[in-house]
Amino acid sequence: HPLCCLSLQEVGPTMVGDEHSDPSLMSFLGATKRNMLGNHFWEYYVNDAPRIVLNKLESRGYRVVSMTGVGQTLVWCLHKE
């Protein structure tokens, strides 16, 4: 069950899923589904800082397997056994 979280800043908002993400997990995170102008896809986001999101996901059995920065965007990849 891989999952990626993206954040444009260290304080949020945090993108937590796409249109195919598990709705129950998105609800647990308090995520809102949106479509940004010009995009042909939907995404889930929360206003929480990434550390809050990562702590919530850890409580559900996810663990960080990698992290990288792309410009001002930070990306965490998580895995649940």
Protein backbone atom coordinates (compact mmCIF):
# COMPACT_ATOMS: atom_id res chain seq x y z
CA HIS A 1 0.00 0.00 0.00
CA PRO A 2 2.33 2.82 -1.10
CA LEU A 3 1.29 6.40 -0.42
CA CYS A 4 2.94 9.72 -1.29
CA CYS A 5 2.45 13.05 0.47
CA LEU A 6 3.53 16.36 -1.01
CA SER A 7 3.88 19.74 0.62
CA LEU A 8 4.67 23.04 -1.05
CA GLN A 9 6.00 24.38 2.26
CA GLU A 10 7.02 22.89 5.57
CA VAL A 11 3.82 24.19 7.19
CA GLY A 12 1.19 23.03 4.68
CA PRO A 13 -1.05 22.58 2.87
CA THR A 14 -0.18 18.92 2.36
CA MET A 15 -1.38 16.96 -0.67
CA VAL A 16 -2.28 13.49 0.55
CA GLY A 17 -3.87 11.68 -2.37
CA ASP A 18 -5.33 11.62 -5.84
CA GLU A 19 -8.79 10.87 -7.17
CA HIS A 20 -8.18 7.12 -6.74
CA SER A 21 -7.11 7.28 -3.07
CA ASP A 22 -8.86 5.30 -0.34
CA PRO A 23 -11.83 7.47 0.71
CA SER A 24 -11.79 6.14 4.30
CA LEU A 25 -8.10 7.04 4.71
CA MET A 26 -8.73 10.49 3.22
CA SER A 27 -11.59 10.98 5.67
CA PHE A 28 -9.35 9.91 8.57
CA LEU A 29 -6.82 12.56 7.51
CA GLY A 30 -9.57 15.18 7.22
CA ALA A 31 -8.72 15.68 3.55
CA THR A 32 -10.73 17.71 1.07
CA LYS A 33 -10.99 16.74 -2.59
CA ARG A 34 -10.33 19.54 -5.09
CA ASN A 35 -9.60 20.22 -8.74
CA MET A 36 -7.15 23.04 -9.39
CA LEU A 37 -7.87 25.27 -12.38
CA GLY A 38 -6.08 23.90 -15.44
CA ASN A 39 -5.55 20.40 -14.01
CA HIS A 40 -7.36 17.42 -15.50
CA PHE A 41 -7.28 15.48 -12.23
CA TRP A 42 -8.54 15.72 -8.65
CA GLU A 43 -6.38 15.72 -5.53
CA TYR A 44 -6.91 15.44 -1.79
CA TYR A 45 -5.27 17.96 0.53
CA VAL A 46 -5.27 18.98 4.18
CA ASN A 47 -4.25 22.31 5.72
CA ASP A 48 -2.14 20.48 8.32
CA ALA A 49 1.63 20.63 8.32
CA PRO A 50 3.33 17.49 6.99
CA ARG A 51 4.50 16.39 10.47
CA ILE A 52 0.86 16.23 11.62
CA VAL A 53 -0.12 14.17 8.55
CA LEU A 54 2.89 11.86 8.95
CA ASN A 55 2.07 11.28 12.63
CA LYS A 56 -1.54 10.37 11.72
CA LEU A 57 -0.35 7.97 9.02
CA GLU A 58 2.15 6.38 11.40
CA SER A 59 -0.74 5.64 13.78
CA ARG A 60 -2.34 3.71 10.89
CA GLY A 61 0.77 1.60 10.24
CA TYR A 62 2.44 3.63 7.48
CA ARG A 63 6.16 4.33 7.63
CA VAL A 64 8.35 6.71 5.64
CA VAL A 65 10.58 4.91 3.14
CA SER A 66 11.98 7.95 1.32
CA MET A 67 11.85 11.73 1.19
CA THR A 68 13.09 14.24 -1.37
CA GLY A 69 12.79 17.88 -2.28
CA VAL A 70 11.80 19.12 -5.73
CA GLY A 71 12.15 22.89 -5.86
CA GLN A 72 9.98 24.17 -3.02
CA THR A 73 7.99 20.93 -2.93
CA LEU A 74 8.78 18.18 -0.42
CA VAL A 75 7.74 14.59 -1.18
CA TRP A 76 7.47 11.73 1.32
CA CYS A 77 6.82 8.16 0.16
CA LEU A 78 5.30 5.83 2.73
CA HIS A 79 4.53 2.13 2.85
CA LYS A 80 2.12 0.03 4.85
CA GLU A 81 2.88 -3.67 5.18
